[in-house]
N, C-alpha and C. Protein backbone atom coordinates (compact mmCIF):
# COMPACT_ATOMS: atom_id res chain seq x y z
N MET A 1 26.53 -27.39 5.71
CA MET A 1 27.33 -26.93 6.84
C MET A 1 26.46 -26.85 8.09
N ALA A 2 27.02 -27.37 9.17
CA ALA A 2 26.29 -27.40 10.45
C ALA A 2 26.21 -25.97 11.03
N LYS A 3 25.08 -25.72 11.63
CA LYS A 3 24.89 -24.40 12.30
C LYS A 3 25.60 -24.41 13.64
N LEU A 4 26.16 -23.32 14.04
CA LEU A 4 26.85 -23.14 15.27
C LEU A 4 26.19 -22.06 16.11
N CYS A 5 26.25 -22.21 17.40
CA CYS A 5 25.75 -21.19 18.33
C CYS A 5 26.69 -20.01 18.30
N ASN A 6 26.18 -18.84 18.05
CA ASN A 6 27.02 -17.62 18.08
C ASN A 6 27.56 -17.26 19.46
N MET A 7 26.90 -17.74 20.50
CA MET A 7 27.32 -17.38 21.85
C MET A 7 28.40 -18.29 22.37
N CYS A 8 28.20 -19.61 22.23
CA CYS A 8 29.19 -20.52 22.80
C CYS A 8 29.98 -21.33 21.77
N GLY A 9 29.57 -21.27 20.51
CA GLY A 9 30.29 -21.93 19.48
C GLY A 9 29.93 -23.43 19.28
N LYS A 10 28.99 -23.91 20.07
CA LYS A 10 28.61 -25.31 20.02
C LYS A 10 27.95 -25.60 18.66
N LYS A 11 28.27 -26.79 18.12
CA LYS A 11 27.58 -27.27 16.93
C LYS A 11 26.15 -27.72 17.33
N PHE A 12 25.16 -27.28 16.56
CA PHE A 12 23.77 -27.60 16.90
C PHE A 12 23.52 -29.06 16.88
N ASP A 13 22.80 -29.52 17.94
CA ASP A 13 22.32 -30.92 17.93
C ASP A 13 20.88 -30.87 17.38
N ASP A 14 20.17 -31.97 17.41
CA ASP A 14 18.82 -32.05 16.85
C ASP A 14 17.87 -31.08 17.54
N PHE A 15 17.95 -30.97 18.87
CA PHE A 15 17.07 -30.09 19.57
C PHE A 15 17.35 -28.59 19.22
N ASP A 16 18.61 -28.23 19.14
CA ASP A 16 18.96 -26.88 18.76
C ASP A 16 18.48 -26.52 17.36
N ALA A 17 18.65 -27.45 16.45
CA ALA A 17 18.22 -27.24 15.06
C ALA A 17 16.70 -27.17 14.96
N GLN A 18 16.02 -27.94 15.77
CA GLN A 18 14.54 -27.94 15.74
C GLN A 18 14.01 -26.64 16.26
N GLU A 19 14.55 -26.09 17.31
CA GLU A 19 14.02 -24.87 17.95
C GLU A 19 14.33 -23.61 17.15
N GLU A 20 15.41 -23.57 16.49
CA GLU A 20 15.80 -22.39 15.70
C GLU A 20 15.77 -21.08 16.52
N PHE A 21 16.32 -21.08 17.71
CA PHE A 21 16.42 -19.85 18.49
C PHE A 21 17.40 -18.94 17.82
N GLY A 22 17.04 -17.71 17.62
CA GLY A 22 17.97 -16.79 17.02
C GLY A 22 17.35 -15.35 16.96
N PHE A 23 18.20 -14.52 16.51
CA PHE A 23 17.86 -13.10 16.35
C PHE A 23 18.36 -12.68 14.98
N HIS A 24 17.46 -12.41 14.08
CA HIS A 24 17.82 -12.04 12.71
C HIS A 24 17.08 -10.77 12.33
N TYR A 25 17.82 -9.68 12.22
CA TYR A 25 17.16 -8.41 12.04
C TYR A 25 18.02 -7.43 11.32
N PHE A 26 17.43 -6.66 10.43
CA PHE A 26 18.12 -5.55 9.81
C PHE A 26 17.75 -4.29 10.65
N VAL A 27 18.73 -3.64 11.21
CA VAL A 27 18.44 -2.45 12.05
C VAL A 27 18.31 -1.23 11.17
N GLY A 28 17.19 -0.54 11.31
CA GLY A 28 16.96 0.67 10.58
C GLY A 28 17.66 1.88 11.27
N TYR A 29 16.88 2.82 11.67
CA TYR A 29 17.45 4.02 12.36
C TYR A 29 16.92 4.13 13.74
N GLY A 30 17.63 4.84 14.58
CA GLY A 30 17.24 5.07 15.95
C GLY A 30 18.03 4.27 16.93
N SER A 31 19.05 3.57 16.49
CA SER A 31 19.89 2.77 17.33
C SER A 31 21.36 3.09 17.01
N LYS A 32 22.22 2.77 17.91
CA LYS A 32 23.66 2.95 17.62
C LYS A 32 24.14 1.94 16.60
N TYR A 33 23.27 0.94 16.26
CA TYR A 33 23.58 -0.10 15.28
C TYR A 33 22.86 0.14 13.96
N ASP A 34 22.53 1.40 13.68
CA ASP A 34 21.85 1.76 12.42
C ASP A 34 22.50 1.06 11.18
N LEU A 35 21.62 0.48 10.40
CA LEU A 35 21.97 -0.12 9.12
C LEU A 35 22.87 -1.38 9.23
N GLU A 36 22.90 -1.96 10.39
CA GLU A 36 23.65 -3.21 10.60
C GLU A 36 22.63 -4.38 10.38
N ARG A 37 23.20 -5.48 9.96
CA ARG A 37 22.38 -6.75 9.88
C ARG A 37 22.86 -7.61 11.03
N ILE A 38 21.91 -8.00 11.87
CA ILE A 38 22.18 -8.88 13.03
C ILE A 38 21.74 -10.29 12.67
N ASP A 39 22.63 -11.22 12.74
CA ASP A 39 22.33 -12.65 12.49
C ASP A 39 22.99 -13.45 13.61
N ALA A 40 22.19 -13.87 14.55
CA ALA A 40 22.72 -14.63 15.69
C ALA A 40 21.83 -15.85 15.91
N ASP A 41 22.47 -17.02 15.99
CA ASP A 41 21.79 -18.24 16.27
C ASP A 41 22.24 -18.76 17.64
N PHE A 42 21.32 -19.34 18.39
CA PHE A 42 21.60 -19.76 19.76
C PHE A 42 21.18 -21.20 19.96
N CYS A 43 22.06 -21.96 20.66
CA CYS A 43 21.67 -23.30 21.10
C CYS A 43 20.67 -23.16 22.24
N CYS A 44 20.00 -24.25 22.62
CA CYS A 44 18.95 -24.18 23.64
C CYS A 44 19.52 -23.66 25.00
N GLU A 45 20.77 -24.07 25.34
CA GLU A 45 21.33 -23.67 26.63
C GLU A 45 21.62 -22.16 26.62
N CYS A 46 22.17 -21.63 25.53
CA CYS A 46 22.46 -20.22 25.50
C CYS A 46 21.19 -19.39 25.42
N PHE A 47 20.18 -19.88 24.71
CA PHE A 47 18.89 -19.20 24.71
C PHE A 47 18.37 -19.03 26.13
N ASP A 48 18.43 -20.14 26.88
CA ASP A 48 17.97 -20.07 28.30
C ASP A 48 18.78 -19.01 29.08
N LYS A 49 20.06 -18.97 28.87
CA LYS A 49 20.91 -17.97 29.56
C LYS A 49 20.53 -16.56 29.19
N ILE A 50 20.24 -16.32 27.93
CA ILE A 50 19.80 -15.00 27.47
C ILE A 50 18.48 -14.61 28.09
N ILE A 51 17.52 -15.49 28.10
CA ILE A 51 16.22 -15.20 28.67
C ILE A 51 16.30 -15.04 30.17
N ASP A 52 17.10 -15.86 30.81
CA ASP A 52 17.36 -15.72 32.30
C ASP A 52 17.90 -14.33 32.61
N TRP A 53 18.69 -13.77 31.74
CA TRP A 53 19.27 -12.43 31.97
C TRP A 53 18.23 -11.35 31.57
N LEU A 54 17.57 -11.54 30.48
CA LEU A 54 16.69 -10.52 29.92
C LEU A 54 15.37 -10.37 30.65
N ALA A 55 14.72 -11.48 30.96
CA ALA A 55 13.34 -11.42 31.54
C ALA A 55 13.24 -10.60 32.83
N PRO A 56 14.14 -10.73 33.77
CA PRO A 56 14.00 -9.94 34.99
C PRO A 56 14.08 -8.46 34.80
N GLN A 57 14.65 -8.02 33.68
CA GLN A 57 14.77 -6.60 33.39
C GLN A 57 13.54 -5.99 32.74
N MET A 58 12.58 -6.81 32.36
CA MET A 58 11.38 -6.34 31.67
C MET A 58 10.37 -5.74 32.64
N LYS A 59 9.81 -4.58 32.31
CA LYS A 59 8.75 -3.98 33.08
C LYS A 59 7.44 -4.64 32.76
N ILE A 60 7.29 -5.14 31.55
CA ILE A 60 6.09 -5.87 31.11
C ILE A 60 6.52 -7.33 30.93
N PRO A 61 5.87 -8.24 31.62
CA PRO A 61 6.26 -9.67 31.52
C PRO A 61 6.30 -10.17 30.07
N ILE A 62 7.29 -11.00 29.80
CA ILE A 62 7.42 -11.55 28.45
C ILE A 62 6.90 -12.98 28.34
N PHE A 63 6.51 -13.57 29.39
CA PHE A 63 6.04 -15.01 29.35
C PHE A 63 4.54 -15.03 29.21
N SER A 64 4.07 -15.81 28.30
CA SER A 64 2.59 -15.94 28.13
C SER A 64 2.13 -17.34 28.58
N GLY A 65 3.05 -18.23 28.90
CA GLY A 65 2.74 -19.55 29.28
C GLY A 65 2.72 -19.73 30.80
N GLU A 66 3.02 -20.86 31.27
CA GLU A 66 2.99 -21.15 32.70
C GLU A 66 4.20 -20.66 33.46
N TYR A 67 5.33 -20.50 32.76
CA TYR A 67 6.53 -20.09 33.44
C TYR A 67 6.43 -18.63 33.89
N LYS A 68 6.76 -18.45 35.15
CA LYS A 68 6.72 -17.06 35.71
C LYS A 68 8.00 -16.83 36.52
N LEU A 69 8.44 -15.61 36.54
CA LEU A 69 9.58 -15.27 37.36
C LEU A 69 9.19 -15.19 38.81
N ALA A 70 10.09 -15.29 39.69
CA ALA A 70 9.82 -15.28 41.13
C ALA A 70 9.17 -13.95 41.55
N ASN A 71 9.51 -12.83 40.88
CA ASN A 71 8.99 -11.54 41.26
C ASN A 71 7.70 -11.15 40.54
N GLU A 72 7.14 -12.03 39.71
CA GLU A 72 5.91 -11.73 38.99
C GLU A 72 4.74 -12.24 39.75
N ALA A 73 3.68 -11.45 39.74
CA ALA A 73 2.45 -11.87 40.35
C ALA A 73 1.84 -12.96 39.48
N PRO A 74 1.14 -13.93 40.07
CA PRO A 74 0.52 -14.96 39.24
C PRO A 74 -0.64 -14.38 38.40
N ILE A 75 -0.82 -14.87 37.24
CA ILE A 75 -1.92 -14.42 36.36
C ILE A 75 -3.19 -15.05 36.89
N GLU A 76 -4.22 -14.23 37.07
CA GLU A 76 -5.49 -14.75 37.52
C GLU A 76 -6.23 -15.34 36.38
N SER A 77 -6.79 -16.49 36.54
CA SER A 77 -7.59 -17.13 35.49
C SER A 77 -8.98 -16.54 35.63
N ALA A 78 -9.79 -16.77 34.53
CA ALA A 78 -11.16 -16.30 34.54
C ALA A 78 -11.99 -16.96 35.68
N GLU A 79 -11.62 -18.23 35.96
CA GLU A 79 -12.31 -18.94 37.05
C GLU A 79 -12.03 -18.34 38.40
N SER A 80 -10.82 -17.86 38.63
CA SER A 80 -10.49 -17.32 39.96
C SER A 80 -11.09 -15.94 40.21
N LYS A 81 -11.58 -15.28 39.11
CA LYS A 81 -12.15 -13.96 39.27
C LYS A 81 -13.65 -14.04 39.62
N GLU A 82 -14.24 -15.22 39.49
CA GLU A 82 -15.67 -15.34 39.80
C GLU A 82 -15.96 -15.43 41.27
């Protein structure tokens, strides 16, 4: 059976299947979702939408690569500190 995006309902193409973006978690205690099982799969486009919404709300940056939000200060390399 083909995997579908939980957000938009799209049938996964090769890129979506390769990336395996998703959120799969059993919630313990401390949340209003206590003891729920969360299983959500996302296509590449919906994953981008989720991160575009989520990242600006973070107090601690979530990107470790080259991508940076417009409001984030650039990461100084070891070379630039010399």
